[in-house]
Amino acid sequence: MGLSGDLGSGKTTFAKGFCAFFGITEIVTSPTFAIMKNYKATGADSKIKEIIHIDSYRIEEIESIGLQEYFKKEDTVILIEWPEKIARFLPKISKNLKFRYIDETTRTITETS
């Protein structure tokens, strides 16, 4: 799932809530410097077993992290901040959300294609 929007628009905050929904209790932070973070989902009722959180803002070569292999895993969700930077690597079925900063306490989220 692509997460697009300006800095401070809520992409990482959304990822934190998404991970919490799937039972992840560790602290979820922006993967800006690590590029990619893996989280094991612990929700017993979920078919989702792993969440990959990627920040592609600084990525020069996405192939080096093996992203294509994660797309093949049915029990994995991939959250990608700045997906437009790596669009050529993303499957056509990817969902995208566009985040927009309104004010200190308000954001809008729109599904885009």
PDB file of N, CA and C in Angstrom:
ATOM      1  N   MET A   1       0.846  -1.163   0.000  1.00  0.00           N
ATOM      2  CA  MET A   1       0.000   0.000   0.000  1.00  0.00           C
ATOM      3  C   MET A   1       0.895   1.232   0.000  1.00  0.00           C
ATOM      4  N   GLY A   2       0.684   2.104  -0.947  1.00  0.00           N
ATOM      5  CA  GLY A   2       1.449   3.327  -1.032  1.00  0.00           C
ATOM      6  C   GLY A   2       0.870   4.403  -0.133  1.00  0.00           C
ATOM      7  N   LEU A   3       1.742   5.135   0.556  1.00  0.00           N
ATOM      8  CA  LEU A   3       1.351   6.233   1.429  1.00  0.00           C
ATOM      9  C   LEU A   3       2.021   7.500   0.916  1.00  0.00           C
ATOM     10  N   SER A   4       1.262   8.347   0.233  1.00  0.00           N
ATOM     11  CA  SER A   4       1.807   9.561  -0.367  1.00  0.00           C
ATOM     12  C   SER A   4       1.380  10.788   0.420  1.00  0.00           C
ATOM     13  N   GLY A   5       2.216  11.808   0.375  1.00  0.00           N
ATOM     14  CA  GLY A   5       1.875  13.082   1.005  1.00  0.00           C
ATOM     15  C   GLY A   5       3.122  13.815   1.431  1.00  0.00           C
ATOM     16  N   ASP A   6       2.961  15.090   1.699  1.00  0.00           N
ATOM     17  CA  ASP A   6       4.082  15.914   2.127  1.00  0.00           C
ATOM     18  C   ASP A   6       4.600  15.475   3.493  1.00  0.00           C
ATOM     19  N   LEU A   7       5.782  15.959   3.848  1.00  0.00           N
ATOM     20  CA  LEU A   7       6.320  15.732   5.187  1.00  0.00           C
ATOM     21  C   LEU A   7       5.318  16.244   6.214  1.00  0.00           C
ATOM     22  N   GLY A   8       5.084  15.442   7.250  1.00  0.00           N
ATOM     23  CA  GLY A   8       4.166  15.847   8.307  1.00  0.00           C
ATOM     24  C   GLY A   8       2.697  15.656   8.005  1.00  0.00           C
ATOM     25  N   SER A   9       2.389  14.966   6.916  1.00  0.00           N
ATOM     26  CA  SER A   9       0.977  14.799   6.543  1.00  0.00           C
ATOM     27  C   SER A   9       0.316  13.590   7.208  1.00  0.00           C
ATOM     28  N   GLY A  10       1.096  12.754   7.903  1.00  0.00           N
ATOM     29  CA  GLY A  10       0.490  11.655   8.654  1.00  0.00           C
ATOM     30  C   GLY A  10       0.814  10.253   8.180  1.00  0.00           C
ATOM     31  N   LYS A  11       1.742  10.103   7.263  1.00  0.00           N
ATOM     32  CA  LYS A  11       2.056   8.771   6.714  1.00  0.00           C
ATOM     33  C   LYS A  11       2.567   7.821   7.795  1.00  0.00           C
ATOM     34  N   THR A  12       3.535   8.262   8.586  1.00  0.00           N
ATOM     35  CA  THR A  12       4.094   7.397   9.624  1.00  0.00           C
ATOM     36  C   THR A  12       3.095   7.172  10.750  1.00  0.00           C
ATOM     37  N   THR A  13       2.317   8.189  11.084  1.00  0.00           N
ATOM     38  CA  THR A  13       1.280   8.025  12.111  1.00  0.00           C
ATOM     39  C   THR A  13       0.266   6.970  11.674  1.00  0.00           C
ATOM     40  N   PHE A  14      -0.111   6.995  10.409  1.00  0.00           N
ATOM     41  CA  PHE A  14      -1.001   5.969   9.877  1.00  0.00           C
ATOM     42  C   PHE A  14      -0.360   4.590  10.015  1.00  0.00           C
ATOM     43  N   ALA A  15       0.921   4.466   9.660  1.00  0.00           N
ATOM     44  CA  ALA A  15       1.627   3.181   9.750  1.00  0.00           C
ATOM     45  C   ALA A  15       1.634   2.674  11.188  1.00  0.00           C
ATOM     46  N   LYS A  16       1.813   3.564  12.156  1.00  0.00           N
ATOM     47  CA  LYS A  16       1.788   3.168  13.572  1.00  0.00           C
ATOM     48  C   LYS A  16       0.437   2.566  13.939  1.00  0.00           C
ATOM     49  N   GLY A  17      -0.647   3.232  13.555  1.00  0.00           N
ATOM     50  CA  GLY A  17      -1.981   2.724  13.857  1.00  0.00           C
ATOM     51  C   GLY A  17      -2.286   1.424  13.131  1.00  0.00           C
ATOM     52  N   PHE A  18      -1.845   1.331  11.889  1.00  0.00           N
ATOM     53  CA  PHE A  18      -2.037   0.122  11.096  1.00  0.00           C
ATOM     54  C   PHE A  18      -1.345  -1.063  11.776  1.00  0.00           C
ATOM     55  N   CYS A  19      -0.114  -0.855  12.190  1.00  0.00           N
ATOM     56  CA  CYS A  19       0.642  -1.918  12.863  1.00  0.00           C
ATOM     57  C   CYS A  19      -0.011  -2.301  14.193  1.00  0.00           C
ATOM     58  N   ALA A  20      -0.470  -1.317  14.951  1.00  0.00           N
ATOM     59  CA  ALA A  20      -1.134  -1.606  16.226  1.00  0.00           C
ATOM     60  C   ALA A  20      -2.375  -2.459  16.008  1.00  0.00           C
ATOM     61  N   PHE A  21      -3.125  -2.193  14.949  1.00  0.00           N
ATOM     62  CA  PHE A  21      -4.318  -2.969  14.626  1.00  0.00           C
ATOM     63  C   PHE A  21      -3.989  -4.452  14.452  1.00  0.00           C
ATOM     64  N   PHE A  22      -2.806  -4.742  13.903  1.00  0.00           N
ATOM     65  CA  PHE A  22      -2.393  -6.128  13.686  1.00  0.00           C
ATOM     66  C   PHE A  22      -1.564  -6.691  14.839  1.00  0.00           C
ATOM     67  N   GLY A  23      -1.653  -6.073  16.005  1.00  0.00           N
ATOM     68  CA  GLY A  23      -1.056  -6.643  17.214  1.00  0.00           C
ATOM     69  C   GLY A  23       0.416  -6.340  17.421  1.00  0.00           C
ATOM     70  N   ILE A  24       0.975  -5.442  16.674  1.00  0.00           N
ATOM     71  CA  ILE A  24       2.386  -5.103  16.844  1.00  0.00           C
ATOM     72  C   ILE A  24       2.500  -4.158  18.028  1.00  0.00           C
ATOM     73  N   THR A  25       3.280  -4.568  19.028  1.00  0.00           N
ATOM     74  CA  THR A  25       3.402  -3.776  20.245  1.00  0.00           C
ATOM     75  C   THR A  25       4.721  -3.004  20.319  1.00  0.00           C
ATOM     76  N   GLU A  26       5.671  -3.357  19.464  1.00  0.00           N
ATOM     77  CA  GLU A  26       6.930  -2.605  19.495  1.00  0.00           C
ATOM     78  C   GLU A  26       6.717  -1.202  18.934  1.00  0.00           C
ATOM     79  N   ILE A  27       7.622  -0.310  19.250  1.00  0.00           N
ATOM     80  CA  ILE A  27       7.505   1.067  18.795  1.00  0.00           C
ATOM     81  C   ILE A  27       7.760   1.135  17.296  1.00  0.00           C
ATOM     82  N   VAL A  28       6.806   1.690  16.573  1.00  0.00           N
ATOM     83  CA  VAL A  28       6.906   1.847  15.121  1.00  0.00           C
ATOM     84  C   VAL A  28       7.378   3.276  14.852  1.00  0.00           C
ATOM     85  N   THR A  29       8.506   3.382  14.180  1.00  0.00           N
ATOM     86  CA  THR A  29       9.060   4.686  13.856  1.00  0.00           C
ATOM     87  C   THR A  29       9.268   4.795  12.350  1.00  0.00           C
ATOM     88  N   SER A  30       9.529   5.998  11.905  1.00  0.00           N
ATOM     89  CA  SER A  30       9.771   6.212  10.485  1.00  0.00           C
ATOM     90  C   SER A  30      11.012   5.449  10.048  1.00  0.00           C
ATOM     91  N   PRO A  31      10.942   4.743   8.935  1.00  0.00           N
ATOM     92  CA  PRO A  31      12.109   4.010   8.439  1.00  0.00           C
ATOM     93  C   PRO A  31      13.018   4.863   7.548  1.00  0.00           C
ATOM     94  N   THR A  32      12.972   6.187   7.703  1.00  0.00           N
ATOM     95  CA  THR A  32      13.720   7.083   6.818  1.00  0.00           C
ATOM     96  C   THR A  32      15.190   6.701   6.709  1.00  0.00           C
ATOM     97  N   PHE A  33      15.851   6.462   7.822  1.00  0.00           N
ATOM     98  CA  PHE A  33      17.286   6.182   7.776  1.00  0.00           C
ATOM     99  C   PHE A  33      17.577   4.697   7.607  1.00  0.00           C
ATOM    100  N   ALA A  34      16.690   3.852   8.116  1.00  0.00           N
ATOM    101  CA  ALA A  34      16.873   2.403   7.970  1.00  0.00           C
ATOM    102  C   ALA A  34      16.370   1.917   6.618  1.00  0.00           C
ATOM    103  N   ILE A  35      15.595   2.698   5.930  1.00  0.00           N
ATOM    104  CA  ILE A  35      14.946   2.413   4.650  1.00  0.00           C
ATOM    105  C   ILE A  35      13.777   1.443   4.821  1.00  0.00           C
ATOM    106  N   MET A  36      13.979   0.345   5.552  1.00  0.00           N
ATOM    107  CA  MET A  36      12.933  -0.657   5.693  1.00  0.00           C
ATOM    108  C   MET A  36      12.939  -1.226   7.104  1.00  0.00           C
ATOM    109  N   LYS A  37      11.743  -1.432   7.654  1.00  0.00           N
ATOM    110  CA  LYS A  37      11.582  -2.083   8.961  1.00  0.00           C
ATOM    111  C   LYS A  37      10.569  -3.208   8.811  1.00  0.00           C
ATOM    112  N   ASN A  38      10.857  -4.318   9.464  1.00  0.00           N
ATOM    113  CA  ASN A  38       9.975  -5.481   9.443  1.00  0.00           C
ATOM    114  C   ASN A  38       9.329  -5.635  10.817  1.00  0.00           C
ATOM    115  N   TYR A  39       8.052  -5.915  10.809  1.00  0.00           N
ATOM    116  CA  TYR A  39       7.316  -6.141  12.047  1.00  0.00           C
ATOM    117  C   TYR A  39       6.543  -7.448  11.923  1.00  0.00           C
ATOM    118  N   LYS A  40       6.570  -8.249  12.960  1.00  0.00           N
ATOM    119  CA  LYS A  40       5.813  -9.495  12.990  1.00  0.00           C
ATOM    120  C   LYS A  40       4.446  -9.227  13.606  1.00  0.00           C
ATOM    121  N   ALA A  41       3.411  -9.484  12.855  1.00  0.00           N
ATOM    122  CA  ALA A  41       2.043  -9.297  13.333  1.00  0.00           C
ATOM    123  C   ALA A  41       1.684 -10.444  14.262  1.00  0.00           C
ATOM    124  N   THR A  42       1.082 -10.116  15.393  1.00  0.00           N
ATOM    125  CA  THR A  42       0.776 -11.142  16.388  1.00  0.00           C
ATOM    126  C   THR A  42      -0.710 -11.370  16.580  1.00  0.00           C
ATOM    127  N   GLY A  43      -1.534 -10.646  15.833  1.00  0.00           N
ATOM    128  CA  GLY A  43      -2.979 -10.824  15.958  1.00  0.00           C
ATOM    129  C   GLY A  43      -3.377 -12.242  15.573  1.00  0.00           C
ATOM    130  N   ALA A  44      -3.909 -13.002  16.517  1.00  0.00           N
ATOM    131  CA  ALA A  44      -4.222 -14.413  16.299  1.00  0.00           C
ATOM    132  C   ALA A  44      -5.248 -14.639  15.195  1.00  0.00           C
ATOM    133  N   ASP A  45      -6.178 -13.707  15.019  1.00  0.00           N
ATOM    134  CA  ASP A  45      -7.242 -13.880  14.042  1.00  0.00           C
ATOM    135  C   ASP A  45      -6.877 -13.392  12.644  1.00  0.00           C
ATOM    136  N   SER A  46      -5.685 -12.873  12.493  1.00  0.00           N
ATOM    137  CA  SER A  46      -5.302 -12.252  11.229  1.00  0.00           C
ATOM    138  C   SER A  46      -4.539 -13.205  10.326  1.00  0.00           C
ATOM    139  N   LYS A  47      -4.784 -13.072   9.034  1.00  0.00           N
ATOM    140  CA  LYS A  47      -3.996 -13.811   8.045  1.00  0.00           C
ATOM    141  C   LYS A  47      -2.692 -13.072   7.761  1.00  0.00           C
ATOM    142  N   ILE A  48      -2.589 -11.833   8.228  1.00  0.00           N
ATOM    143  CA  ILE A  48      -1.384 -11.033   8.052  1.00  0.00           C
ATOM    144  C   ILE A  48      -0.387 -11.412   9.143  1.00  0.00           C
ATOM    145  N   LYS A  49       0.801 -11.839   8.738  1.00  0.00           N
ATOM    146  CA  LYS A  49       1.826 -12.272   9.689  1.00  0.00           C
ATOM    147  C   LYS A  49       3.011 -11.314   9.752  1.00  0.00           C
ATOM    148  N   GLU A  50       3.146 -10.463   8.722  1.00  0.00           N
ATOM    149  CA  GLU A  50       4.277  -9.555   8.688  1.00  0.00           C
ATOM    150  C   GLU A  50       3.873  -8.247   8.009  1.00  0.00           C
ATOM    151  N   ILE A  51       4.394  -7.152   8.546  1.00  0.00           N
ATOM    152  CA  ILE A  51       4.196  -5.847   7.926  1.00  0.00           C
ATOM    153  C   ILE A  51       5.572  -5.259   7.663  1.00  0.00           C
ATOM    154  N   ILE A  52       5.788  -4.858   6.428  1.00  0.00           N
ATOM    155  CA  ILE A  52       7.035  -4.231   6.017  1.00  0.00           C
ATOM    156  C   ILE A  52       6.737  -2.745   5.838  1.00  0.00           C
ATOM    157  N   HIS A  53       7.524  -1.905   6.484  1.00  0.00           N
ATOM    158  CA  HIS A  53       7.337  -0.448   6.393  1.00  0.00           C
ATOM    159  C   HIS A  53       8.576   0.128   5.712  1.00  0.00           C
ATOM    160  N   ILE A  54       8.372   0.760   4.573  1.00  0.00           N
ATOM    161  CA  ILE A  54       9.479   1.269   3.752  1.00  0.00           C
ATOM    162  C   ILE A  54       9.326   2.769   3.547  1.00  0.00           C
ATOM    163  N   ASP A  55      10.433   3.475   3.632  1.00  0.00           N
ATOM    164  CA  ASP A  55      10.458   4.888   3.271  1.00  0.00           C
ATOM    165  C   ASP A  55      11.355   5.004   2.053  1.00  0.00           C
ATOM    166  N   SER A  56      10.763   5.262   0.905  1.00  0.00           N
ATOM    167  CA  SER A  56      11.546   5.291  -0.337  1.00  0.00           C
ATOM    168  C   SER A  56      11.999   6.697  -0.723  1.00  0.00           C
ATOM    169  N   TYR A  57      11.893   7.650   0.208  1.00  0.00           N
ATOM    170  CA  TYR A  57      12.296   9.019  -0.099  1.00  0.00           C
ATOM    171  C   TYR A  57      13.763   9.096  -0.527  1.00  0.00           C
ATOM    172  N   ARG A  58      14.653   8.339   0.140  1.00  0.00           N
ATOM    173  CA  ARG A  58      16.083   8.402  -0.151  1.00  0.00           C
ATOM    174  C   ARG A  58      16.582   7.215  -0.975  1.00  0.00           C
ATOM    175  N   ILE A  59      15.727   6.340  -1.398  1.00  0.00           N
ATOM    176  CA  ILE A  59      16.172   5.121  -2.061  1.00  0.00           C
ATOM    177  C   ILE A  59      16.760   5.400  -3.427  1.00  0.00           C
ATOM    178  N   GLU A  60      17.955   4.919  -3.628  1.00  0.00           N
ATOM    179  CA  GLU A  60      18.607   5.017  -4.933  1.00  0.00           C
ATOM    180  C   GLU A  60      18.290   3.775  -5.774  1.00  0.00           C
ATOM    181  N   GLU A  61      18.344   2.634  -5.141  1.00  0.00           N
ATOM    182  CA  GLU A  61      18.154   1.375  -5.865  1.00  0.00           C
ATOM    183  C   GLU A  61      17.317   0.426  -5.021  1.00  0.00           C
ATOM    184  N   ILE A  62      16.026   0.386  -5.267  1.00  0.00           N
ATOM    185  CA  ILE A  62      15.101  -0.418  -4.482  1.00  0.00           C
ATOM    186  C   ILE A  62      15.409  -1.913  -4.565  1.00  0.00           C
ATOM    187  N   GLU A  63      16.019  -2.340  -5.639  1.00  0.00           N
ATOM    188  CA  GLU A  63      16.287  -3.765  -5.807  1.00  0.00           C
ATOM    189  C   GLU A  63      17.201  -4.318  -4.718  1.00  0.00           C
ATOM    190  N   SER A  64      18.004  -3.469  -4.106  1.00  0.00           N
ATOM    191  CA  SER A  64      18.961  -3.932  -3.101  1.00  0.00           C
ATOM    192  C   SER A  64      18.294  -4.419  -1.824  1.00  0.00           C
ATOM    193  N   ILE A  65      17.015  -4.072  -1.577  1.00  0.00           N
ATOM    194  CA  ILE A  65      16.362  -4.549  -0.361  1.00  0.00           C
ATOM    195  C   ILE A  65      15.460  -5.748  -0.620  1.00  0.00           C
ATOM    196  N   GLY A  66      15.379  -6.223  -1.845  1.00  0.00           N
ATOM    197  CA  GLY A  66      14.600  -7.420  -2.151  1.00  0.00           C
ATOM    198  C   GLY A  66      13.101  -7.228  -2.078  1.00  0.00           C
ATOM    199  N   LEU A  67      12.641  -6.048  -2.400  1.00  0.00           N
ATOM    200  CA  LEU A  67      11.225  -5.732  -2.310  1.00  0.00           C
ATOM    201  C   LEU A  67      10.363  -6.684  -3.125  1.00  0.00           C
ATOM    202  N   GLN A  68      10.800  -7.059  -4.301  1.00  0.00           N
ATOM    203  CA  GLN A  68      10.006  -7.935  -5.174  1.00  0.00           C
ATOM    204  C   GLN A  68       9.662  -9.260  -4.491  1.00  0.00           C
ATOM    205  N   GLU A  69      10.552  -9.761  -3.646  1.00  0.00           N
ATOM    206  CA  GLU A  69      10.286 -11.019  -2.933  1.00  0.00           C
ATOM    207  C   GLU A  69       9.147 -10.855  -1.928  1.00  0.00           C
ATOM    208  N   TYR A  70       9.069  -9.705  -1.283  1.00  0.00           N
ATOM    209  CA  TYR A  70       7.996  -9.466  -0.316  1.00  0.00           C
ATOM    210  C   TYR A  70       6.631  -9.387  -0.995  1.00  0.00           C
ATOM    211  N   PHE A  71       6.571  -8.901  -2.221  1.00  0.00           N
ATOM    212  CA  PHE A  71       5.307  -8.820  -2.933  1.00  0.00           C
ATOM    213  C   PHE A  71       4.710 -10.205  -3.190  1.00  0.00           C
ATOM    214  N   LYS A  72       5.520 -11.228  -3.197  1.00  0.00           N
ATOM    215  CA  LYS A  72       5.058 -12.592  -3.453  1.00  0.00           C
ATOM    216  C   LYS A  72       4.458 -13.256  -2.220  1.00  0.00           C
ATOM    217  N   LYS A  73       4.667 -12.677  -1.050  1.00  0.00           N
ATOM    218  CA  LYS A  73       4.207 -13.279   0.202  1.00  0.00           C
ATOM    219  C   LYS A  73       2.769 -12.858   0.490  1.00  0.00           C
ATOM    220  N   GLU A  74       1.874 -13.835   0.544  1.00  0.00           N
ATOM    221  CA  GLU A  74       0.459 -13.557   0.754  1.00  0.00           C
ATOM    222  C   GLU A  74       0.133 -13.109   2.169  1.00  0.00           C
ATOM    223  N   ASP A  75       1.001 -13.395   3.128  1.00  0.00           N
ATOM    224  CA  ASP A  75       0.741 -13.047   4.522  1.00  0.00           C
ATOM    225  C   ASP A  75       1.461 -11.766   4.946  1.00  0.00           C
ATOM    226  N   THR A  76       1.876 -10.967   3.971  1.00  0.00           N
ATOM    227  CA  THR A  76       2.650  -9.759   4.242  1.00  0.00           C
ATOM    228  C   THR A  76       1.988  -8.533   3.622  1.00  0.00           C
ATOM    229  N   VAL A  77       1.946  -7.455   4.399  1.00  0.00           N
ATOM    230  CA  VAL A  77       1.489  -6.158   3.898  1.00  0.00           C
ATOM    231  C   VAL A  77       2.704  -5.246   3.853  1.00  0.00           C
ATOM    232  N   ILE A  78       2.837  -4.517   2.759  1.00  0.00           N
ATOM    233  CA  ILE A  78       3.950  -3.587   2.603  1.00  0.00           C
ATOM    234  C   ILE A  78       3.390  -2.171   2.573  1.00  0.00           C
ATOM    235  N   LEU A  79       3.840  -1.361   3.527  1.00  0.00           N
ATOM    236  CA  LEU A  79       3.476   0.045   3.573  1.00  0.00           C
ATOM    237  C   LEU A  79       4.655   0.834   3.032  1.00  0.00           C
ATOM    238  N   ILE A  80       4.443   1.605   1.979  1.00  0.00           N
ATOM    239  CA  ILE A  80       5.546   2.314   1.327  1.00  0.00           C
ATOM    240  C   ILE A  80       5.289   3.813   1.345  1.00  0.00           C
ATOM    241  N   GLU A  81       6.096   4.515   2.125  1.00  0.00           N
ATOM    242  CA  GLU A  81       6.034   5.968   2.102  1.00  0.00           C
ATOM    243  C   GLU A  81       6.789   6.459   0.873  1.00  0.00           C
ATOM    244  N   TRP A  82       6.238   7.462   0.202  1.00  0.00           N
ATOM    245  CA  TRP A  82       6.802   8.026  -1.030  1.00  0.00           C
ATOM    246  C   TRP A  82       6.808   6.994  -2.168  1.00  0.00           C
ATOM    247  N   PRO A  83       5.696   6.306  -2.427  1.00  0.00           N
ATOM    248  CA  PRO A  83       5.677   5.263  -3.464  1.00  0.00           C
ATOM    249  C   PRO A  83       5.938   5.791  -4.871  1.00  0.00           C
ATOM    250  N   GLU A  84       5.658   7.062  -5.086  1.00  0.00           N
ATOM    251  CA  GLU A  84       5.872   7.637  -6.420  1.00  0.00           C
ATOM    252  C   GLU A  84       7.342   7.582  -6.832  1.00  0.00           C
ATOM    253  N   LYS A  85       8.238   7.497  -5.856  1.00  0.00           N
ATOM    254  CA  LYS A  85       9.672   7.436  -6.170  1.00  0.00           C
ATOM    255  C   LYS A  85      10.091   6.070  -6.709  1.00  0.00           C
ATOM    256  N   ILE A  86       9.279   5.049  -6.443  1.00  0.00           N
ATOM    257  CA  ILE A  86       9.619   3.693  -6.899  1.00  0.00           C
ATOM    258  C   ILE A  86       8.463   3.059  -7.674  1.00  0.00           C
ATOM    259  N   ALA A  87       7.627   3.862  -8.268  1.00  0.00           N
ATOM    260  CA  ALA A  87       6.403   3.386  -8.937  1.00  0.00           C
ATOM    261  C   ALA A  87       6.676   2.258  -9.924  1.00  0.00           C
ATOM    262  N   ARG A  88       7.795   2.308 -10.619  1.00  0.00           N
ATOM    263  CA  ARG A  88       8.068   1.285 -11.639  1.00  0.00           C
ATOM    264  C   ARG A  88       8.266  -0.106 -11.036  1.00  0.00           C
ATOM    265  N   PHE A  89       8.526  -0.192  -9.741  1.00  0.00           N
ATOM    266  CA  PHE A  89       8.734  -1.478  -9.081  1.00  0.00           C
ATOM    267  C   PHE A  89       7.463  -2.038  -8.447  1.00  0.00           C
ATOM    268  N   LEU A  90       6.423  -1.228  -8.368  1.00  0.00           N
ATOM    269  CA  LEU A  90       5.220  -1.633  -7.644  1.00  0.00           C
ATOM    270  C   LEU A  90       4.244  -2.388  -8.532  1.00  0.00           C
ATOM    271  N   PRO A  91       3.605  -3.430  -7.977  1.00  0.00           N
ATOM    272  CA  PRO A  91       2.608  -4.167  -8.758  1.00  0.00           C
ATOM    273  C   PRO A  91       1.414  -3.271  -9.078  1.00  0.00           C
ATOM    274  N   LYS A  92       0.754  -3.552 -10.162  1.00  0.00           N
ATOM    275  CA  LYS A  92      -0.400  -2.769 -10.598  1.00  0.00           C
ATOM    276  C   LYS A  92      -1.555  -2.810  -9.598  1.00  0.00           C
ATOM    277  N   ILE A  93      -1.625  -3.838  -8.774  1.00  0.00           N
ATOM    278  CA  ILE A  93      -2.732  -3.980  -7.832  1.00  0.00           C
ATOM    279  C   ILE A  93      -2.515  -3.210  -6.538  1.00  0.00           C
ATOM    280  N   SER A  94      -1.439  -2.481  -6.424  1.00  0.00           N
ATOM    281  CA  SER A  94      -1.162  -1.730  -5.203  1.00  0.00           C
ATOM    282  C   SER A  94      -2.247  -0.695  -4.922  1.00  0.00           C
ATOM    283  N   LYS A  95      -2.611  -0.589  -3.658  1.00  0.00           N
ATOM    284  CA  LYS A  95      -3.517   0.464  -3.199  1.00  0.00           C
ATOM    285  C   LYS A  95      -2.665   1.658  -2.792  1.00  0.00           C
ATOM    286  N   ASN A  96      -3.193   2.850  -2.981  1.00  0.00           N
ATOM    287  CA  ASN A  96      -2.474   4.056  -2.602  1.00  0.00           C
ATOM    288  C   ASN A  96      -3.380   4.989  -1.820  1.00  0.00           C
ATOM    289  N   LEU A  97      -2.809   5.569  -0.772  1.00  0.00           N
ATOM    290  CA  LEU A  97      -3.508   6.569   0.016  1.00  0.00           C
ATOM    291  C   LEU A  97      -2.738   7.877  -0.072  1.00  0.00           C
ATOM    292  N   LYS A  98      -3.459   8.969  -0.254  1.00  0.00           N
ATOM    293  CA  LYS A  98      -2.861  10.301  -0.327  1.00  0.00           C
ATOM    294  C   LYS A  98      -3.230  11.055   0.949  1.00  0.00           C
ATOM    295  N   PHE A  99      -2.198  11.488   1.693  1.00  0.00           N
ATOM    296  CA  PHE A  99      -2.374  12.206   2.942  1.00  0.00           C
ATOM    297  C   PHE A  99      -2.178  13.699   2.693  1.00  0.00           C
ATOM    298  N   ARG A 100      -3.026  14.503   3.318  1.00  0.00           N
ATOM    299  CA  ARG A 100      -2.908  15.949   3.159  1.00  0.00           C
ATOM    300  C   ARG A 100      -3.046  16.630   4.514  1.00  0.00           C
ATOM    301  N   TYR A 101      -2.071  17.451   4.834  1.00  0.00           N
ATOM    302  CA  TYR A 101      -2.060  18.239   6.067  1.00  0.00           C
ATOM    303  C   TYR A 101      -3.071  19.370   5.949  1.00  0.00           C
ATOM    304  N   ILE A 102      -3.956  19.484   6.934  1.00  0.00           N
ATOM    305  CA  ILE A 102      -4.925  20.575   6.975  1.00  0.00           C
ATOM    306  C   ILE A 102      -4.498  21.575   8.058  1.00  0.00           C
ATOM    307  N   ASP A 103      -4.332  21.076   9.288  1.00  0.00           N
ATOM    308  CA  ASP A 103      -3.822  21.890  10.388  1.00  0.00           C
ATOM    309  C   ASP A 103      -3.215  20.943  11.430  1.00  0.00           C
ATOM    310  N   GLU A 104      -2.822  21.461  12.565  1.00  0.00           N
ATOM    311  CA  GLU A 104      -2.124  20.654  13.582  1.00  0.00           C
ATOM    312  C   GLU A 104      -2.867  19.384  13.980  1.00  0.00           C
ATOM    313  N   THR A 105      -4.151  19.382  13.928  1.00  0.00           N
ATOM    314  CA  THR A 105      -4.918  18.212  14.370  1.00  0.00           C
ATOM    315  C   THR A 105      -5.752  17.556  13.269  1.00  0.00           C
ATOM    316  N   THR A 106      -5.642  18.052  12.038  1.00  0.00           N
ATOM    317  CA  THR A 106      -6.506  17.549  10.972  1.00  0.00           C
ATOM    318  C   THR A 106      -5.720  17.175   9.735  1.00  0.00           C
ATOM    319  N   ARG A 107      -6.022  15.990   9.208  1.00  0.00           N
ATOM    320  CA  ARG A 107      -5.464  15.520   7.944  1.00  0.00           C
ATOM    321  C   ARG A 107      -6.598  14.951   7.126  1.00  0.00           C
ATOM    322  N   THR A 108      -6.423  14.883   5.823  1.00  0.00           N
ATOM    323  CA  THR A 108      -7.375  14.150   4.999  1.00  0.00           C
ATOM    324  C   THR A 108      -6.616  12.983   4.364  1.00  0.00           C
ATOM    325  N   ILE A 109      -7.338  11.892   4.155  1.00  0.00           N
ATOM    326  CA  ILE A 109      -6.773  10.711   3.499  1.00  0.00           C
ATOM    327  C   ILE A 109      -7.723  10.338   2.374  1.00  0.00           C
ATOM    328  N   THR A 110      -7.154  10.213   1.173  1.00  0.00           N
ATOM    329  CA  THR A 110      -7.939   9.871  -0.011  1.00  0.00           C
ATOM    330  C   THR A 110      -7.318   8.670  -0.695  1.00  0.00           C
ATOM    331  N   GLU A 111      -8.140   7.698  -1.081  1.00  0.00           N
ATOM    332  CA  GLU A 111      -7.622   6.567  -1.864  1.00  0.00           C
ATOM    333  C   GLU A 111      -7.424   7.024  -3.292  1.00  0.00           C
ATOM    334  N   THR A 112      -6.270   6.708  -3.852  1.00  0.00           N
ATOM    335  CA  THR A 112      -5.970   7.073  -5.226  1.00  0.00           C
ATOM    336  C   THR A 112      -5.546   5.823  -6.000  1.00  0.00           C
ATOM    337  N   SER A 113      -5.502   5.923  -7.292  1.00  0.00           N
ATOM    338  CA  SER A 113      -5.089   4.784  -8.120  1.00  0.00           C
ATOM    339  C   SER A 113      -3.670   4.947  -8.577  1.00  0.00           C
TER     340      SER A 113
END
